[in-house]
Protein backbone atom coordinates (compact mmCIF):
# COMPACT_ATOMS: atom_id res chain seq x y z
CA MET A 1 63.20 3.87 7.53
CA GLU A 2 61.52 3.35 10.86
CA SER A 3 57.90 2.18 10.84
CA LYS A 4 55.41 3.66 13.24
CA GLY A 5 53.96 1.55 15.96
CA PHE A 6 50.41 0.26 15.67
CA ILE A 7 49.14 2.50 18.46
CA ALA A 8 50.82 5.57 16.95
CA GLU A 9 49.31 4.82 13.54
CA PHE A 10 45.86 4.32 15.05
CA LYS A 11 46.18 7.55 17.04
CA GLU A 12 47.14 9.44 13.86
CA PHE A 13 44.23 7.88 11.94
CA ILE A 14 41.63 8.59 14.60
CA SER A 15 42.77 12.17 15.15
CA ARG A 16 42.41 13.18 11.51
CA GLY A 17 39.77 15.83 11.01
CA ASN A 18 37.69 13.87 8.51
CA VAL A 19 37.36 10.85 10.80
CA VAL A 20 36.22 13.03 13.70
CA ASP A 21 33.83 14.94 11.41
CA MET A 22 32.38 11.66 10.17
CA ALA A 23 31.87 10.42 13.73
CA VAL A 24 30.12 13.65 14.69
CA GLY A 25 27.93 13.37 11.58
CA ILE A 26 26.91 9.83 12.46
CA ILE A 27 26.05 10.80 16.04
CA ILE A 28 24.06 13.85 14.93
CA GLY A 29 22.40 11.74 12.23
CA GLY A 30 21.28 9.20 14.81
CA ALA A 31 19.80 11.91 17.01
CA PHE A 32 18.18 13.55 13.99
CA THR A 33 16.65 10.21 12.96
CA ALA A 34 15.11 9.85 16.41
CA ILE A 35 13.54 13.32 16.10
CA ILE A 36 12.11 12.60 12.65
CA THR A 37 10.84 9.19 13.74
CA SER A 38 9.05 10.81 16.66
CA LEU A 39 7.63 13.51 14.37
CA VAL A 40 6.26 10.84 12.03
CA ASN A 41 5.01 8.39 14.64
CA ASP A 42 3.70 10.82 17.24
CA ILE A 43 2.39 13.74 15.17
CA ILE A 44 2.00 13.08 11.46
CA MET A 45 0.74 9.50 11.52
CA PRO A 46 -2.03 10.19 14.07
CA LEU A 47 -3.15 13.09 11.87
CA ILE A 48 -3.17 10.85 8.79
CA ALA A 49 -5.00 8.16 10.78
CA THR A 50 -7.85 10.58 11.51
CA PHE A 51 -8.39 11.03 7.76
CA THR A 52 -7.88 7.42 6.71
CA GLY A 53 -9.85 5.84 9.52
CA ALA A 54 -6.94 3.57 10.43
CA ILE A 55 -5.31 3.94 13.84
CA THR A 56 -1.81 3.85 12.30
CA PHE A 57 -0.24 2.51 9.14
CA THR A 58 1.64 -0.11 11.16
CA GLN A 59 -1.64 -1.86 11.89
CA LEU A 60 -2.41 -2.40 8.20
CA PHE A 61 -1.78 -5.90 6.93
CA VAL A 62 -2.98 -8.52 4.47
CA GLN A 63 -3.35 -12.16 5.35
CA ILE A 64 -2.88 -14.74 2.61
CA ASN A 65 -3.55 -18.25 3.87
CA ASN A 66 -1.48 -18.40 7.07
CA THR A 67 0.96 -15.67 6.05
CA VAL A 68 0.59 -12.14 7.38
CA ILE A 69 2.03 -9.35 5.23
CA PRO A 70 2.31 -6.15 7.33
CA TYR A 71 2.43 -3.65 4.46
CA GLY A 72 1.62 -0.85 6.89
CA ASN A 73 5.16 -1.09 8.29
CA PHE A 74 6.49 -0.49 4.80
CA ILE A 75 4.25 2.56 4.34
CA GLN A 76 5.38 3.85 7.73
CA ASN A 77 9.05 3.48 6.78
CA VAL A 78 8.50 5.18 3.40
CA VAL A 79 6.85 8.15 5.14
CA ASN A 80 9.73 8.22 7.64
CA PHE A 81 12.28 8.24 4.83
CA LEU A 82 10.50 10.96 2.84
CA LEU A 83 10.22 13.22 5.87
CA THR A 84 13.86 12.64 6.81
CA ALA A 85 14.97 13.38 3.26
CA PHE A 86 12.80 16.53 3.20
CA ALA A 87 14.20 17.74 6.52
CA VAL A 88 17.78 17.14 5.37
CA PHE A 89 16.99 18.97 2.10
CA ILE A 90 15.68 21.97 4.04
CA MET A 91 18.75 21.99 6.30
CA VAL A 92 21.20 21.76 3.38
CA LYS A 93 19.31 24.50 1.54
CA ALA A 94 19.52 26.78 4.60
CA ILE A 95 23.23 26.05 5.07
CA ASN A 96 23.92 26.75 1.39
CA ARG A 97 21.99 30.03 1.58
CA PHE A 98 24.05 31.04 4.61
CA ARG A 99 27.31 30.14 2.83
CA ARG A 100 26.24 31.99 -0.32
CA LYS A 101 25.49 35.15 1.66
CA LYS A 102 28.85 34.88 3.37
CA GLU A 103 30.65 34.49 0.02
CA GLU A 104 28.74 37.37 -1.59
CA GLU A 105 29.81 39.88 1.03
CA PRO A 106 32.53 41.89 -0.69
CA ALA A 107 35.79 42.29 1.11
CA PRO A 108 36.43 45.86 2.18
CA GLU A 109 38.75 47.68 -0.18
CA PRO A 110 42.15 48.34 1.33
CA GLU A 111 43.17 51.92 1.90
CA PRO A 112 45.13 53.20 -1.11
CA SER A 113 48.83 53.66 -0.59
CA GLU A 114 50.49 57.07 -0.57
CA GLU A 115 51.78 56.45 -4.10
CA VAL A 116 48.27 55.79 -5.39
CA LEU A 117 46.95 58.91 -3.68
CA LEU A 118 49.76 60.96 -5.21
CA LEU A 119 49.11 59.51 -8.66
CA ARG A 120 45.42 60.35 -8.31
CA GLU A 121 46.29 63.94 -7.41
CA ILE A 122 48.54 64.19 -10.46
CA ARG A 123 45.83 62.70 -12.69
CA ASP A 124 43.20 65.11 -11.34
CA SER A 125 45.51 68.13 -11.77
CA LEU A 126 46.29 67.12 -15.37
CA LYS A 127 42.59 66.93 -16.15
CA LYS A 128 42.20 70.61 -15.16
């Protein structure tokens, strides 16, 4: 039994569909994260800041003795996560709805064969 070379094995591994799909998912996920981060930081957080009186959550902190605890960063990241999760939920829901519609479409019935047509004629004539 001849073993494959390292390069051949790597080429086979990397060209599998699931590895390529995963890579595409990671790249799209990174771009999607940038969009959501911009949505949160540039649109939503300034709107929230107008109601809370704070400029942004990232500027909120507590100082205990000489230690600064920037809890606003945590709030910012929680909001980022929730919006990302919500956007992914909406996307998955839309994709599932599209798939469901596609699955629900009935396949067209095939044309009956000559034998079936003949049997139907016989059946109909016997009914008379």
